């Protein structure tokens, strides 16, 4: 199903453009087409950035590593473009699930390669629609609690849920399986924490702008503490993004942040200790439950007896 739909994406985008004169819409289509072309041609990779508990990048002090999408430099297929801009274009065109499911399966493959790493994967709110690929992913997670307890799904707040009730049910199911849910890019706007009354997130990540204004004195530090306290009262751990100076690190920890992330801690890297030495490329085809199990079996054949493995195919 994935291969067939992915094969027709270019045609869909071209057909959608026909007769449309809106410049913004046409730019979205071009951006989306470039990113999806790079995805099909295996020109996208995962960079890892730690979310640290104490301001140190040491592996033992990390809550998890966030998986960030990167183009492979001059090897990219369709010229220069901004990956974040292209992702938002996919959201506006309701095509972002094609990227999100590839990132999720790629992240699960990386988790299967390590017994200790915890990884976070960004998923757009637009992708929280109950479809066949979510069902397959759930079936896989039900059989792999060793993966679910090390997986963090970060819900990006650049768009809204298509159907809130079904999205919340999907999130709750993921949490029941052991997956941690993070709300990403929470800002200082009034009511920005109201989503916590609906999505009972395990982690809340404050947008870097919140900390910047606190460090610059524009936003009172007490307000930052109050926001962090409100998250804790709802059972969520707080992560502060944008830590690029010692002053911001001090402000974040002083406000009660459980985790910090930013260039002062570590820049995103295409290589992560505990995974294989090669660059982790994002797979363009949706990896099935059976293929993931078979890959894991092949990699661990020297460690485990064949009788310990059961490969079950799901229709």
Protein backbone atom coordinates (compact mmCIF):
# COMPACT_ATOMS: atom_id res chain seq x y z
CA UNK A 1 0.00 0.00 0.00
CA UNK A 2 2.78 2.40 0.97
CA UNK A 3 4.77 1.81 -2.20
CA UNK A 4 1.73 2.35 -4.39
CA UNK A 5 0.69 5.59 -2.70
CA UNK A 6 4.24 6.90 -2.61
CA UNK A 7 4.69 6.11 -6.29
CA UNK A 8 1.78 8.39 -7.14
CA UNK A 9 2.69 11.34 -4.91
CA UNK A 10 4.36 13.27 -7.72
CA UNK A 11 1.33 12.77 -9.95
CA UNK A 12 -1.01 13.84 -7.14
CA UNK A 13 0.98 17.00 -6.53
CA UNK A 14 1.13 17.82 -10.23
CA UNK A 15 -2.59 17.28 -10.65
CA UNK A 16 -3.31 19.40 -7.59
CA UNK A 17 -1.27 22.28 -9.04
CA UNK A 18 -3.17 22.27 -12.34
CA UNK A 19 -5.32 25.37 -12.61
CA UNK A 20 -4.27 26.73 -9.24
CA UNK A 21 -2.93 30.26 -9.25
CA UNK A 22 -2.25 30.84 -5.54
CA UNK A 23 1.47 31.53 -5.22
CA UNK A 24 1.69 30.24 -1.64
CA UNK A 25 -0.04 27.01 -2.57
CA UNK A 26 2.22 26.44 -5.56
CA UNK A 27 5.30 27.04 -3.41
CA UNK A 28 3.99 24.48 -0.90
CA UNK A 29 3.57 21.91 -3.67
CA UNK A 30 7.11 22.50 -4.96
CA UNK A 31 8.61 22.24 -1.47
CA UNK A 32 6.66 19.08 -0.68
CA UNK A 33 7.67 17.51 -3.98
CA UNK A 34 11.36 18.21 -3.31
CA UNK A 35 11.31 16.65 0.15
CA UNK A 36 9.31 13.59 -0.94
CA UNK A 37 11.66 13.12 -3.90
CA UNK A 38 14.64 13.13 -1.53
CA UNK A 39 12.78 10.64 0.66
CA UNK A 40 12.17 8.29 -2.26
CA UNK A 41 15.81 8.58 -3.37
CA UNK A 42 17.11 7.78 0.13
CA UNK A 43 18.69 11.25 0.49
CA UNK A 44 17.34 12.01 3.97
CA UNK A 45 19.03 11.01 7.21
CA UNK A 46 18.52 11.16 10.98
CA UNK A 47 20.58 13.44 13.22
CA UNK A 48 20.50 12.90 16.98
CA UNK A 49 20.44 15.58 19.68
CA UNK A 50 20.37 14.68 23.39
CA UNK A 51 17.83 15.89 25.89
CA UNK A 52 20.04 16.02 28.99
CA UNK A 53 19.05 15.94 32.63
CA UNK A 54 21.95 17.95 34.06
CA UNK A 55 23.43 20.04 31.27
CA UNK A 56 25.86 17.31 30.27
CA UNK A 57 25.92 15.45 26.96
CA UNK A 58 27.12 12.24 28.62
CA UNK A 59 25.04 9.23 27.61
CA UNK A 60 24.17 8.48 31.24
CA UNK A 61 22.63 11.92 31.76
CA UNK A 62 20.25 11.87 28.77
CA UNK A 63 16.49 11.44 29.01
CA UNK A 64 16.53 10.51 25.32
CA UNK A 65 17.91 11.65 21.97
CA UNK A 66 15.60 13.50 19.60
CA UNK A 67 15.67 12.29 15.98
CA UNK A 68 15.91 15.24 13.59
CA UNK A 69 15.49 15.10 9.83
CA UNK A 70 18.48 16.17 7.75
CA UNK A 71 19.30 16.32 4.05
CA UNK A 72 22.52 14.69 2.97
CA UNK A 73 24.20 17.87 1.74
CA UNK A 74 25.24 18.00 -1.93
CA UNK A 75 23.79 14.52 -2.48
CA UNK A 76 20.25 15.88 -2.06
CA UNK A 77 18.20 15.45 -5.22
CA UNK A 78 16.41 18.73 -5.88
CA UNK A 79 18.51 21.73 -4.94
CA UNK A 80 18.52 23.73 -1.77
CA UNK A 81 15.43 24.04 0.40
CA UNK A 82 14.56 24.31 4.09
CA UNK A 83 13.53 21.00 5.66
CA UNK A 84 11.32 22.66 8.34
CA UNK A 85 9.60 24.75 5.65
CA UNK A 86 9.05 21.64 3.53
CA UNK A 87 7.55 19.74 6.49
CA UNK A 88 5.11 22.58 7.15
CA UNK A 89 4.20 22.54 3.46
CA UNK A 90 3.43 18.83 3.76
CA UNK A 91 1.20 19.61 6.74
CA UNK A 92 -0.74 22.24 4.83
CA UNK A 93 -1.20 19.81 1.93
CA UNK A 94 -2.23 16.93 4.25
CA UNK A 95 0.67 14.80 3.01
CA UNK A 96 2.85 14.83 6.12
CA UNK A 97 1.86 11.31 7.19
CA UNK A 98 4.01 9.98 4.33
CA UNK A 99 7.05 11.43 6.06
CA UNK A 100 5.95 10.71 9.63
CA UNK A 101 5.38 7.00 9.12
CA UNK A 102 8.78 6.65 7.45
CA UNK A 103 10.44 8.46 10.38
CA UNK A 104 8.60 6.32 12.93
CA UNK A 105 9.60 3.02 11.35
CA UNK A 106 13.17 4.24 10.91
CA UNK A 107 13.26 5.22 14.60
CA UNK A 108 11.91 1.81 15.62
CA UNK A 109 14.60 0.16 13.55
CA UNK A 110 17.25 2.19 15.38
CA UNK A 111 15.76 1.24 18.75
CA UNK A 112 15.88 -2.42 17.75
CA UNK A 113 19.59 -2.02 17.03
CA UNK A 114 20.29 -0.90 20.61
CA UNK A 115 19.32 -2.32 23.97
CA UNK A 116 19.76 0.92 25.93
CA UNK A 117 19.09 4.00 23.81
CA UNK A 118 15.88 5.99 24.11
CA UNK A 119 14.83 7.98 21.03
CA UNK A 120 12.27 10.68 20.32
CA UNK A 121 10.48 10.96 16.98
CA UNK A 122 8.57 14.05 15.80
CA UNK A 123 5.07 13.37 14.49
CA UNK A 124 2.78 16.10 13.19
CA UNK A 125 -0.60 16.54 14.83
CA UNK A 126 -2.02 16.13 11.31
CA UNK A 127 -0.83 12.50 11.25
CA UNK A 128 -2.89 11.44 14.27
CA UNK A 129 -5.61 9.86 12.19
CA UNK A 130 -6.43 6.18 12.71
CA UNK A 131 -5.36 4.45 9.49
CA UNK A 132 -3.87 1.14 8.42
CA UNK A 133 -0.26 2.12 9.00
CA UNK A 134 -0.99 3.11 12.61
CA UNK A 135 -2.69 -0.27 13.13
CA UNK A 136 0.38 -2.10 11.89
CA UNK A 137 2.66 0.02 14.05
CA UNK A 138 0.48 -0.65 17.12
CA UNK A 139 0.57 -4.38 16.43
CA UNK A 140 4.34 -4.26 16.32
CA UNK A 141 4.61 -2.24 19.54
CA UNK A 142 2.29 -4.62 21.39
CA UNK A 143 4.84 -7.37 20.80
CA UNK A 144 7.87 -5.21 21.59
CA UNK A 145 7.56 -3.62 25.06
CA UNK A 146 11.35 -3.32 25.04
CA UNK A 147 10.93 -0.72 22.28
CA UNK A 148 7.86 1.11 23.59
CA UNK A 149 9.48 2.00 26.90
CA UNK A 150 12.34 3.65 25.01
CA UNK A 151 10.24 5.51 22.44
CA UNK A 152 9.14 9.13 22.82
CA UNK A 153 6.70 10.56 20.28
CA UNK A 154 6.93 14.35 20.09
CA UNK A 155 3.72 15.92 18.82
CA UNK A 156 4.59 19.04 16.86
CA UNK A 157 2.26 21.96 17.48
CA UNK A 158 2.59 23.60 14.07
CA UNK A 159 -0.86 22.30 13.12
CA UNK A 160 -4.03 20.89 14.71
CA UNK A 161 -5.54 17.43 15.02
CA UNK A 162 -7.86 16.66 12.08
CA UNK A 163 -10.29 14.85 14.41
CA UNK A 164 -9.54 15.58 18.05
CA UNK A 165 -11.50 12.74 19.63
CA UNK A 166 -9.90 9.98 17.55
CA UNK A 167 -6.45 11.61 17.89
CA UNK A 168 -6.73 11.63 21.68
CA UNK A 169 -7.81 7.97 21.63
CA UNK A 170 -4.77 7.11 19.51
CA UNK A 171 -2.45 8.97 21.88
CA UNK A 172 -3.96 7.21 24.89
CA UNK A 173 -3.45 3.83 23.22
CA UNK A 174 0.20 4.63 22.60
CA UNK A 175 0.65 5.59 26.25
CA UNK A 176 -1.03 2.39 27.43
CA UNK A 177 1.57 0.50 25.39
CA UNK A 178 4.33 2.36 27.25
CA UNK A 179 5.21 5.05 24.70
CA UNK A 180 5.95 8.45 26.22
CA UNK A 181 4.18 11.42 24.63
CA UNK A 182 5.83 14.84 24.46
CA UNK A 183 4.19 18.12 23.46
CA UNK A 184 6.71 20.12 21.46
CA UNK A 185 7.19 23.88 21.08
CA UNK A 186 4.87 25.03 23.86
CA UNK A 187 4.97 28.84 24.01
CA UNK A 188 4.22 31.60 26.49
CA UNK A 189 0.89 32.60 24.95
CA UNK A 190 -2.14 32.62 27.25
CA UNK A 191 -3.80 29.21 27.15
CA UNK A 192 -0.79 27.47 25.64
CA UNK A 193 -0.85 24.89 28.45
CA UNK A 194 -4.59 24.23 28.03
CA UNK A 195 -3.76 21.35 25.67
CA UNK A 196 -2.45 19.47 28.72
CA UNK A 197 -6.01 19.12 29.97
CA UNK A 198 -6.74 17.08 26.83
CA UNK A 199 -3.43 15.45 25.98
CA UNK A 200 -2.08 14.04 29.23
CA UNK A 201 1.50 14.32 28.05
CA UNK A 202 4.44 12.76 29.82
CA UNK A 203 6.79 15.54 28.68
CA UNK A 204 6.28 19.20 27.80
CA UNK A 205 8.96 20.94 25.75
CA UNK A 206 9.04 24.72 26.04
CA UNK A 207 9.86 26.55 22.85
CA UNK A 208 13.25 28.28 22.85
CA UNK A 209 11.57 31.69 22.67
CA UNK A 210 10.26 31.24 26.22
CA UNK A 211 13.74 30.81 27.64
CA UNK A 212 15.22 33.56 25.47
CA UNK A 213 12.82 36.12 26.88
CA UNK A 214 13.40 34.87 30.43
CA UNK A 215 17.18 35.08 30.06
CA UNK A 216 16.88 38.57 28.53
CA UNK A 217 14.64 39.76 31.36
CA UNK A 218 11.60 40.29 29.12
CA UNK A 219 9.73 37.39 30.71
CA UNK A 220 9.93 37.24 34.53
CA UNK A 221 11.73 34.15 35.75
CA UNK A 222 8.90 33.58 38.23
CA UNK A 223 6.47 33.23 35.31
CA UNK A 224 8.73 30.57 33.83
CA UNK A 225 8.74 28.75 37.19
CA UNK A 226 4.94 29.00 37.33
CA UNK A 227 4.60 27.52 33.84
CA UNK A 228 6.93 24.66 34.75
CA UNK A 229 5.04 24.10 37.99
CA UNK A 230 1.72 23.93 36.11
CA UNK A 231 3.15 21.16 33.92
CA UNK A 232 4.43 19.21 36.91
CA UNK A 233 1.04 19.50 38.60
CA UNK A 234 -0.40 17.72 35.55
CA UNK A 235 2.19 14.95 35.77
CA UNK A 236 4.44 16.14 32.94
CA UNK A 237 8.21 16.52 33.01
CA UNK A 238 9.48 19.83 31.61
CA UNK A 239 12.17 20.16 28.95
CA UNK A 240 13.61 23.55 28.00
CA UNK A 241 14.81 23.95 24.41
CA UNK A 242 17.28 26.47 23.01
CA UNK A 243 20.01 26.10 25.65
CA UNK A 244 22.94 27.84 23.96
CA UNK A 245 24.43 29.85 26.84
CA UNK A 246 25.32 29.17 30.46
CA UNK A 247 22.80 31.83 31.55
CA UNK A 248 19.96 30.00 29.80
CA UNK A 249 21.04 26.68 31.32
CA UNK A 250 21.02 28.25 34.78
CA UNK A 251 17.58 29.77 34.17
CA UNK A 252 16.16 26.47 32.90
CA UNK A 253 17.44 24.41 35.80
CA UNK A 254 16.42 27.16 38.23
CA UNK A 255 12.87 27.02 36.88
CA UNK A 256 12.71 23.30 37.60
CA UNK A 257 13.34 21.79 34.18
CA UNK A 258 13.87 18.03 34.23
CA UNK A 259 15.62 18.15 30.86
CA UNK A 260 17.53 20.65 28.73
CA UNK A 261 18.36 20.67 25.02
CA UNK A 262 20.43 22.96 22.84
CA UNK A 263 23.80 23.74 21.29
CA UNK A 264 25.45 24.32 24.67
CA UNK A 265 24.70 20.68 25.51
CA UNK A 266 25.39 19.18 22.10
CA UNK A 267 24.74 19.91 18.45
CA UNK A 268 22.77 17.40 16.37
CA UNK A 269 25.03 14.66 15.04
CA UNK A 270 24.58 12.04 12.34
CA UNK A 271 26.47 9.58 14.53
CA UNK A 272 25.35 8.28 17.91
CA UNK A 273 27.30 6.02 20.22
CA UNK A 274 25.47 2.76 20.65
CA UNK A 275 24.29 2.57 17.04
CA UNK A 276 26.18 1.26 14.03
CA UNK A 277 28.78 3.54 12.49
CA UNK A 278 26.85 4.22 9.29
CA UNK A 279 24.55 7.20 8.81
CA UNK A 280 20.93 6.29 9.54
CA UNK A 281 18.98 7.04 6.37
CA UNK A 282 15.22 7.43 6.42
CA UNK A 283 13.55 4.58 4.56
CA UNK A 284 11.13 5.72 1.88
CA UNK A 285 9.00 2.59 2.02
CA UNK A 286 6.96 1.82 5.11
CA UNK A 287 8.75 -1.02 6.86
CA UNK A 288 6.37 -3.77 7.85
CA UNK A 289 6.27 -5.56 11.17
CA UNK A 290 7.58 -8.73 9.53
CA UNK A 291 10.54 -6.99 7.86
CA UNK A 292 11.55 -5.33 11.14
CA UNK A 293 11.54 -8.66 12.97
CA UNK A 294 13.44 -10.35 10.16
CA UNK A 295 16.09 -7.58 10.15
CA UNK A 296 16.52 -7.90 13.90
CA UNK A 297 16.83 -11.66 13.56
CA UNK A 298 19.55 -11.32 10.93
CA UNK A 299 21.54 -8.85 13.04
CA UNK A 300 21.33 -10.99 16.16
CA UNK A 301 21.76 -14.42 14.57
CA UNK A 302 25.17 -14.78 16.16
CA UNK A 303 23.87 -13.93 19.63
CA UNK A 304 20.66 -15.92 19.84
CA UNK A 305 19.64 -19.42 18.84
CA UNK A 306 17.22 -19.59 15.96
CA UNK A 307 14.71 -21.38 18.18
CA UNK A 308 14.38 -18.23 20.29
CA UNK A 309 12.87 -16.27 17.42
CA UNK A 310 9.35 -16.43 16.03
CA UNK A 311 8.68 -14.48 12.88
CA UNK A 312 4.96 -13.91 12.51
CA UNK A 313 3.54 -12.44 9.37
CA UNK A 314 0.58 -10.12 9.57
CA UNK A 315 -1.73 -9.63 6.64
